[in-house]
């Protein structure tokens, strides 16, 4: 299945692109997606503990099962001002 990873704020700067597509096996999770991303973009590993993930308008956890065509927003912690 194909999933689009979208990066925001300083995570986008670390990765060097705002988004890219990742091919994953069926029944993959956010954790599986991250493993694949870290293999290609190791600079992102340093932010692992602080990232948030969203699909649509909902935040999801690392064990969330992905579906073909999902767009996963990968964000730094939400900050107010």
PDB file of N, CA and C in Angstrom:
ATOM      1  N   UNK A   1       0.840  -1.170   0.000  1.00  0.00           N
ATOM      2  CA  UNK A   1       0.000   0.000   0.000  1.00  0.00           C
ATOM      3  C   UNK A   1       0.885   1.232   0.000  1.00  0.00           C
ATOM      4  N   UNK A   2       0.339   2.338  -0.452  1.00  0.00           N
ATOM      5  CA  UNK A   2       1.077   3.583  -0.519  1.00  0.00           C
ATOM      6  C   UNK A   2       0.486   4.574   0.480  1.00  0.00           C
ATOM      7  N   UNK A   3       1.368   5.207   1.260  1.00  0.00           N
ATOM      8  CA  UNK A   3       0.986   6.197   2.275  1.00  0.00           C
ATOM      9  C   UNK A   3       1.816   7.446   2.024  1.00  0.00           C
ATOM     10  N   UNK A   4       1.218   8.604   2.179  1.00  0.00           N
ATOM     11  CA  UNK A   4       1.951   9.862   2.046  1.00  0.00           C
ATOM     12  C   UNK A   4       2.288  10.398   3.433  1.00  0.00           C
ATOM     13  N   UNK A   5       3.565  10.651   3.661  1.00  0.00           N
ATOM     14  CA  UNK A   5       4.027  11.264   4.912  1.00  0.00           C
ATOM     15  C   UNK A   5       4.220  12.754   4.649  1.00  0.00           C
ATOM     16  N   UNK A   6       3.618  13.588   5.506  1.00  0.00           N
ATOM     17  CA  UNK A   6       3.731  15.051   5.378  1.00  0.00           C
ATOM     18  C   UNK A   6       4.400  15.584   6.635  1.00  0.00           C
ATOM     19  N   UNK A   7       5.397  16.436   6.457  1.00  0.00           N
ATOM     20  CA  UNK A   7       6.195  16.940   7.561  1.00  0.00           C
ATOM     21  C   UNK A   7       5.941  18.430   7.764  1.00  0.00           C
ATOM     22  N   UNK A   8       5.958  18.855   9.026  1.00  0.00           N
ATOM     23  CA  UNK A   8       5.645  20.240   9.351  1.00  0.00           C
ATOM     24  C   UNK A   8       6.730  20.860  10.227  1.00  0.00           C
ATOM     25  N   UNK A   9       6.849  22.183  10.122  1.00  0.00           N
ATOM     26  CA  UNK A   9       7.745  23.006  10.935  1.00  0.00           C
ATOM     27  C   UNK A   9       9.185  22.492  10.858  1.00  0.00           C
ATOM     28  N   UNK A  10       9.878  22.384  11.999  1.00  0.00           N
ATOM     29  CA  UNK A  10      11.295  21.994  11.982  1.00  0.00           C
ATOM     30  C   UNK A  10      11.503  20.570  11.487  1.00  0.00           C
ATOM     31  N   UNK A  11      10.479  19.726  11.552  1.00  0.00           N
ATOM     32  CA  UNK A  11      10.625  18.364  11.027  1.00  0.00           C
ATOM     33  C   UNK A  11      10.796  18.398   9.510  1.00  0.00           C
ATOM     34  N   UNK A  12      10.085  19.302   8.866  1.00  0.00           N
ATOM     35  CA  UNK A  12      10.221  19.484   7.413  1.00  0.00           C
ATOM     36  C   UNK A  12      11.660  19.898   7.084  1.00  0.00           C
ATOM     37  N   UNK A  13      12.229  20.781   7.905  1.00  0.00           N
ATOM     38  CA  UNK A  13      13.607  21.221   7.681  1.00  0.00           C
ATOM     39  C   UNK A  13      14.600  20.065   7.842  1.00  0.00           C
ATOM     40  N   UNK A  14      14.383  19.211   8.832  1.00  0.00           N
ATOM     41  CA  UNK A  14      15.270  18.062   9.054  1.00  0.00           C
ATOM     42  C   UNK A  14      15.227  17.063   7.901  1.00  0.00           C
ATOM     43  N   UNK A  15      14.033  16.845   7.386  1.00  0.00           N
ATOM     44  CA  UNK A  15      13.844  15.859   6.317  1.00  0.00           C
ATOM     45  C   UNK A  15      14.261  16.437   4.962  1.00  0.00           C
ATOM     46  N   UNK A  16      14.073  17.734   4.783  1.00  0.00           N
ATOM     47  CA  UNK A  16      14.449  18.373   3.527  1.00  0.00           C
ATOM     48  C   UNK A  16      13.359  18.413   2.478  1.00  0.00           C
ATOM     49  N   UNK A  17      12.194  17.865   2.788  1.00  0.00           N
ATOM     50  CA  UNK A  17      11.036  17.909   1.885  1.00  0.00           C
ATOM     51  C   UNK A  17       9.774  18.068   2.738  1.00  0.00           C
ATOM     52  N   UNK A  18       8.712  18.532   2.133  1.00  0.00           N
ATOM     53  CA  UNK A  18       7.468  18.686   2.890  1.00  0.00           C
ATOM     54  C   UNK A  18       6.645  17.403   2.914  1.00  0.00           C
ATOM     55  N   UNK A  19       6.865  16.528   1.933  1.00  0.00           N
ATOM     56  CA  UNK A  19       6.114  15.262   1.897  1.00  0.00           C
ATOM     57  C   UNK A  19       6.789  14.280   0.957  1.00  0.00           C
ATOM     58  N   UNK A  20       6.526  13.006   1.177  1.00  0.00           N
ATOM     59  CA  UNK A  20       6.918  11.979   0.215  1.00  0.00           C
ATOM     60  C   UNK A  20       6.086  10.730   0.447  1.00  0.00           C
ATOM     61  N   UNK A  21       5.998   9.907  -0.587  1.00  0.00           N
ATOM     62  CA  UNK A  21       5.210   8.681  -0.536  1.00  0.00           C
ATOM     63  C   UNK A  21       6.078   7.522  -0.076  1.00  0.00           C
ATOM     64  N   UNK A  22       5.459   6.626   0.696  1.00  0.00           N
ATOM     65  CA  UNK A  22       6.151   5.456   1.229  1.00  0.00           C
ATOM     66  C   UNK A  22       5.319   4.220   0.897  1.00  0.00           C
ATOM     67  N   UNK A  23       5.961   3.209   0.335  1.00  0.00           N
ATOM     68  CA  UNK A  23       5.297   1.931   0.080  1.00  0.00           C
ATOM     69  C   UNK A  23       5.484   1.046   1.300  1.00  0.00           C
ATOM     70  N   UNK A  24       4.376   0.520   1.811  1.00  0.00           N
ATOM     71  CA  UNK A  24       4.383  -0.320   3.005  1.00  0.00           C
ATOM     72  C   UNK A  24       3.559  -1.580   2.765  1.00  0.00           C
ATOM     73  N   UNK A  25       3.861  -2.649   3.495  1.00  0.00           N
ATOM     74  CA  UNK A  25       3.019  -3.845   3.406  1.00  0.00           C
ATOM     75  C   UNK A  25       1.636  -3.578   4.021  1.00  0.00           C
ATOM     76  N   UNK A  26       0.661  -4.360   3.614  1.00  0.00           N
ATOM     77  CA  UNK A  26      -0.680  -4.260   4.204  1.00  0.00           C
ATOM     78  C   UNK A  26      -0.585  -4.448   5.715  1.00  0.00           C
ATOM     79  N   UNK A  27      -1.487  -3.821   6.443  1.00  0.00           N
ATOM     80  CA  UNK A  27      -1.584  -3.896   7.906  1.00  0.00           C
ATOM     81  C   UNK A  27      -0.418  -3.221   8.630  1.00  0.00           C
ATOM     82  N   UNK A  28       0.254  -2.293   7.954  1.00  0.00           N
ATOM     83  CA  UNK A  28       1.326  -1.542   8.604  1.00  0.00           C
ATOM     84  C   UNK A  28       0.740  -0.493   9.544  1.00  0.00           C
ATOM     85  N   UNK A  29       1.561  -0.058  10.481  1.00  0.00           N
ATOM     86  CA  UNK A  29       1.157   0.943  11.472  1.00  0.00           C
ATOM     87  C   UNK A  29       2.026   2.196  11.316  1.00  0.00           C
ATOM     88  N   UNK A  30       1.691   3.196  12.116  1.00  0.00           N
ATOM     89  CA  UNK A  30       2.513   4.407  12.161  1.00  0.00           C
ATOM     90  C   UNK A  30       3.954   4.027  12.522  1.00  0.00           C
ATOM     91  N   UNK A  31       4.144   3.114  13.461  1.00  0.00           N
ATOM     92  CA  UNK A  31       5.487   2.685  13.860  1.00  0.00           C
ATOM     93  C   UNK A  31       6.243   2.089  12.667  1.00  0.00           C
ATOM     94  N   UNK A  32       5.563   1.318  11.840  1.00  0.00           N
ATOM     95  CA  UNK A  32       6.199   0.750  10.640  1.00  0.00           C
ATOM     96  C   UNK A  32       6.588   1.859   9.664  1.00  0.00           C
ATOM     97  N   UNK A  33       5.712   2.830   9.514  1.00  0.00           N
ATOM     98  CA  UNK A  33       5.998   3.978   8.654  1.00  0.00           C
ATOM     99  C   UNK A  33       7.245   4.711   9.147  1.00  0.00           C
ATOM    100  N   UNK A  34       7.328   4.948  10.455  1.00  0.00           N
ATOM    101  CA  UNK A  34       8.482   5.641  11.016  1.00  0.00           C
ATOM    102  C   UNK A  34       9.773   4.869  10.772  1.00  0.00           C
ATOM    103  N   UNK A  35       9.718   3.571  10.933  1.00  0.00           N
ATOM    104  CA  UNK A  35      10.905   2.748  10.694  1.00  0.00           C
ATOM    105  C   UNK A  35      11.422   2.949   9.273  1.00  0.00           C
ATOM    106  N   UNK A  36      10.516   2.965   8.323  1.00  0.00           N
ATOM    107  CA  UNK A  36      10.895   3.166   6.919  1.00  0.00           C
ATOM    108  C   UNK A  36      11.439   4.578   6.704  1.00  0.00           C
ATOM    109  N   UNK A  37      10.790   5.581   7.311  1.00  0.00           N
ATOM    110  CA  UNK A  37      11.245   6.966   7.157  1.00  0.00           C
ATOM    111  C   UNK A  37      12.632   7.144   7.764  1.00  0.00           C
ATOM    112  N   UNK A  38      12.857   6.603   8.959  1.00  0.00           N
ATOM    113  CA  UNK A  38      14.155   6.746   9.622  1.00  0.00           C
ATOM    114  C   UNK A  38      15.278   6.121   8.802  1.00  0.00           C
ATOM    115  N   UNK A  39      14.986   5.049   8.078  1.00  0.00           N
ATOM    116  CA  UNK A  39      16.003   4.413   7.235  1.00  0.00           C
ATOM    117  C   UNK A  39      16.446   5.365   6.113  1.00  0.00           C
ATOM    118  N   UNK A  40      15.510   6.177   5.615  1.00  0.00           N
ATOM    119  CA  UNK A  40      15.819   7.114   4.530  1.00  0.00           C
ATOM    120  C   UNK A  40      16.229   8.491   5.028  1.00  0.00           C
ATOM    121  N   UNK A  41      15.721   8.897   6.169  1.00  0.00           N
ATOM    122  CA  UNK A  41      15.953  10.240   6.713  1.00  0.00           C
ATOM    123  C   UNK A  41      16.385  10.133   8.173  1.00  0.00           C
ATOM    124  N   UNK A  42      17.602   9.641   8.445  1.00  0.00           N
ATOM    125  CA  UNK A  42      18.027   9.391   9.826  1.00  0.00           C
ATOM    126  C   UNK A  42      18.073  10.633  10.711  1.00  0.00           C
ATOM    127  N   UNK A  43      18.166  11.820  10.143  1.00  0.00           N
ATOM    128  CA  UNK A  43      18.186  13.046  10.955  1.00  0.00           C
ATOM    129  C   UNK A  43      16.905  13.195  11.775  1.00  0.00           C
ATOM    130  N   UNK A  44      15.830  12.591  11.316  1.00  0.00           N
ATOM    131  CA  UNK A  44      14.547  12.696  12.010  1.00  0.00           C
ATOM    132  C   UNK A  44      14.511  11.892  13.310  1.00  0.00           C
ATOM    133  N   UNK A  45      15.382  10.906  13.447  1.00  0.00           N
ATOM    134  CA  UNK A  45      15.404  10.047  14.641  1.00  0.00           C
ATOM    135  C   UNK A  45      15.540  10.847  15.935  1.00  0.00           C
ATOM    136  N   UNK A  46      16.278  11.921  15.901  1.00  0.00           N
ATOM    137  CA  UNK A  46      16.511  12.719  17.114  1.00  0.00           C
ATOM    138  C   UNK A  46      15.212  13.306  17.677  1.00  0.00           C
ATOM    139  N   UNK A  47      14.194  13.428  16.855  1.00  0.00           N
ATOM    140  CA  UNK A  47      12.918  14.001  17.283  1.00  0.00           C
ATOM    141  C   UNK A  47      11.872  12.948  17.631  1.00  0.00           C
ATOM    142  N   UNK A  48      12.252  11.683  17.634  1.00  0.00           N
ATOM    143  CA  UNK A  48      11.317  10.570  17.782  1.00  0.00           C
ATOM    144  C   UNK A  48      10.368  10.705  18.972  1.00  0.00           C
ATOM    145  N   UNK A  49      10.857  11.054  20.126  1.00  0.00           N
ATOM    146  CA  UNK A  49      10.039  11.079  21.340  1.00  0.00           C
ATOM    147  C   UNK A  49       9.044  12.236  21.386  1.00  0.00           C
ATOM    148  N   UNK A  50       9.228  13.245  20.546  1.00  0.00           N
ATOM    149  CA  UNK A  50       8.372  14.430  20.648  1.00  0.00           C
ATOM    150  C   UNK A  50       7.390  14.600  19.487  1.00  0.00           C
ATOM    151  N   UNK A  51       7.368  13.678  18.549  1.00  0.00           N
ATOM    152  CA  UNK A  51       6.511  13.857  17.373  1.00  0.00           C
ATOM    153  C   UNK A  51       5.056  13.477  17.650  1.00  0.00           C
ATOM    154  N   UNK A  52       4.181  14.166  16.941  1.00  0.00           N
ATOM    155  CA  UNK A  52       2.746  13.873  16.953  1.00  0.00           C
ATOM    156  C   UNK A  52       2.354  13.426  15.553  1.00  0.00           C
ATOM    157  N   UNK A  53       1.286  12.614  15.468  1.00  0.00           N
ATOM    158  CA  UNK A  53       0.853  12.056  14.196  1.00  0.00           C
ATOM    159  C   UNK A  53      -0.643  12.301  14.022  1.00  0.00           C
ATOM    160  N   UNK A  54      -1.023  12.690  12.828  1.00  0.00           N
ATOM    161  CA  UNK A  54      -2.427  12.924  12.551  1.00  0.00           C
ATOM    162  C   UNK A  54      -2.822  12.332  11.213  1.00  0.00           C
ATOM    163  N   UNK A  55      -4.054  11.855  11.171  1.00  0.00           N
ATOM    164  CA  UNK A  55      -4.669  11.411   9.921  1.00  0.00           C
ATOM    165  C   UNK A  55      -6.018  12.099   9.866  1.00  0.00           C
ATOM    166  N   UNK A  56      -6.241  12.850   8.794  1.00  0.00           N
ATOM    167  CA  UNK A  56      -7.467  13.648   8.719  1.00  0.00           C
ATOM    168  C   UNK A  56      -7.428  14.723   9.794  1.00  0.00           C
ATOM    169  N   UNK A  57      -8.442  14.761  10.641  1.00  0.00           N
ATOM    170  CA  UNK A  57      -8.498  15.773  11.701  1.00  0.00           C
ATOM    171  C   UNK A  57      -8.257  15.172  13.081  1.00  0.00           C
ATOM    172  N   UNK A  58      -7.744  13.940  13.137  1.00  0.00           N
ATOM    173  CA  UNK A  58      -7.534  13.275  14.423  1.00  0.00           C
ATOM    174  C   UNK A  58      -6.072  12.933  14.651  1.00  0.00           C
ATOM    175  N   UNK A  59      -5.637  13.095  15.903  1.00  0.00           N
ATOM    176  CA  UNK A  59      -4.324  12.616  16.297  1.00  0.00           C
ATOM    177  C   UNK A  59      -4.413  11.098  16.470  1.00  0.00           C
ATOM    178  N   UNK A  60      -3.354  10.395  16.091  1.00  0.00           N
ATOM    179  CA  UNK A  60      -3.323   8.942  16.214  1.00  0.00           C
ATOM    180  C   UNK A  60      -2.033   8.518  16.907  1.00  0.00           C
ATOM    181  N   UNK A  61      -2.040   7.306  17.442  1.00  0.00           N
ATOM    182  CA  UNK A  61      -0.867   6.750  18.129  1.00  0.00           C
ATOM    183  C   UNK A  61      -0.044   5.902  17.163  1.00  0.00           C
ATOM    184  N   UNK A  62       1.112   5.510  17.634  1.00  0.00           N
ATOM    185  CA  UNK A  62       2.032   4.730  16.806  1.00  0.00           C
ATOM    186  C   UNK A  62       1.480   3.357  16.417  1.00  0.00           C
ATOM    187  N   UNK A  63       0.528   2.836  17.163  1.00  0.00           N
ATOM    188  CA  UNK A  63      -0.030   1.521  16.836  1.00  0.00           C
ATOM    189  C   UNK A  63      -1.237   1.622  15.894  1.00  0.00           C
ATOM    190  N   UNK A  64      -1.551   2.819  15.419  1.00  0.00           N
ATOM    191  CA  UNK A  64      -2.676   3.023  14.508  1.00  0.00           C
ATOM    192  C   UNK A  64      -2.413   2.307  13.185  1.00  0.00           C
ATOM    193  N   UNK A  65      -3.367   1.490  12.749  1.00  0.00           N
ATOM    194  CA  UNK A  65      -3.251   0.761  11.479  1.00  0.00           C
ATOM    195  C   UNK A  65      -3.512   1.710  10.317  1.00  0.00           C
ATOM    196  N   UNK A  66      -2.635   1.671   9.344  1.00  0.00           N
ATOM    197  CA  UNK A  66      -2.753   2.541   8.175  1.00  0.00           C
ATOM    198  C   UNK A  66      -3.559   1.872   7.071  1.00  0.00           C
ATOM    199  N   UNK A  67      -4.134   2.703   6.212  1.00  0.00           N
ATOM    200  CA  UNK A  67      -4.866   2.238   5.043  1.00  0.00           C
ATOM    201  C   UNK A  67      -4.206   2.798   3.787  1.00  0.00           C
ATOM    202  N   UNK A  68      -4.350   2.088   2.694  1.00  0.00           N
ATOM    203  CA  UNK A  68      -3.815   2.569   1.430  1.00  0.00           C
ATOM    204  C   UNK A  68      -4.363   3.966   1.143  1.00  0.00           C
ATOM    205  N   UNK A  69      -3.469   4.881   0.785  1.00  0.00           N
ATOM    206  CA  UNK A  69      -3.880   6.236   0.450  1.00  0.00           C
ATOM    207  C   UNK A  69      -3.916   7.201   1.624  1.00  0.00           C
ATOM    208  N   UNK A  70      -3.661   6.724   2.839  1.00  0.00           N
ATOM    209  CA  UNK A  70      -3.644   7.629   3.996  1.00  0.00           C
ATOM    210  C   UNK A  70      -2.576   8.702   3.824  1.00  0.00           C
ATOM    211  N   UNK A  71      -2.875   9.893   4.338  1.00  0.00           N
ATOM    212  CA  UNK A  71      -1.891  10.965   4.451  1.00  0.00           C
ATOM    213  C   UNK A  71      -1.641  11.158   5.933  1.00  0.00           C
ATOM    214  N   UNK A  72      -0.410  10.954   6.346  1.00  0.00           N
ATOM    215  CA  UNK A  72      -0.039  11.035   7.750  1.00  0.00           C
ATOM    216  C   UNK A  72       0.731  12.329   7.984  1.00  0.00           C
ATOM    217  N   UNK A  73       0.172  13.192   8.817  1.00  0.00           N
ATOM    218  CA  UNK A  73       0.854  14.420   9.207  1.00  0.00           C
ATOM    219  C   UNK A  73       1.798  14.091  10.356  1.00  0.00           C
ATOM    220  N   UNK A  74       3.057  14.451  10.199  1.00  0.00           N
ATOM    221  CA  UNK A  74       4.070  14.225  11.231  1.00  0.00           C
ATOM    222  C   UNK A  74       4.515  15.592  11.704  1.00  0.00           C
ATOM    223  N   UNK A  75       4.227  15.885  12.986  1.00  0.00           N
ATOM    224  CA  UNK A  75       4.374  17.244  13.505  1.00  0.00           C
ATOM    225  C   UNK A  75       5.184  17.278  14.780  1.00  0.00           C
ATOM    226  N   UNK A  76       5.819  18.432  15.047  1.00  0.00           N
ATOM    227  CA  UNK A  76       6.431  18.627  16.357  1.00  0.00           C
ATOM    228  C   UNK A  76       5.315  18.861  17.373  1.00  0.00           C
ATOM    229  N   UNK A  77       5.642  18.911  18.660  1.00  0.00           N
ATOM    230  CA  UNK A  77       4.609  19.165  19.659  1.00  0.00           C
ATOM    231  C   UNK A  77       3.859  20.466  19.369  1.00  0.00           C
ATOM    232  N   UNK A  78       2.565  20.457  19.625  1.00  0.00           N
ATOM    233  CA  UNK A  78       1.734  21.640  19.414  1.00  0.00           C
ATOM    234  C   UNK A  78       2.091  22.674  20.466  1.00  0.00           C
ATOM    235  N   UNK A  79       2.298  23.912  20.032  1.00  0.00           N
ATOM    236  CA  UNK A  79       2.648  24.984  20.950  1.00  0.00           C
ATOM    237  C   UNK A  79       1.667  26.127  20.788  1.00  0.00           C
ATOM    238  N   UNK A  80       1.336  26.732  21.887  1.00  0.00           N
ATOM    239  CA  UNK A  80       0.428  27.877  21.845  1.00  0.00           C
ATOM    240  C   UNK A  80       1.210  29.158  22.046  1.00  0.00           C
ATOM    241  N   UNK A  81       0.532  30.263  21.876  1.00  0.00           N
ATOM    242  CA  UNK A  81       1.241  31.519  22.040  1.00  0.00           C
ATOM    243  C   UNK A  81       0.346  32.592  22.557  1.00  0.00           C
TER     244      UNK A  81
END
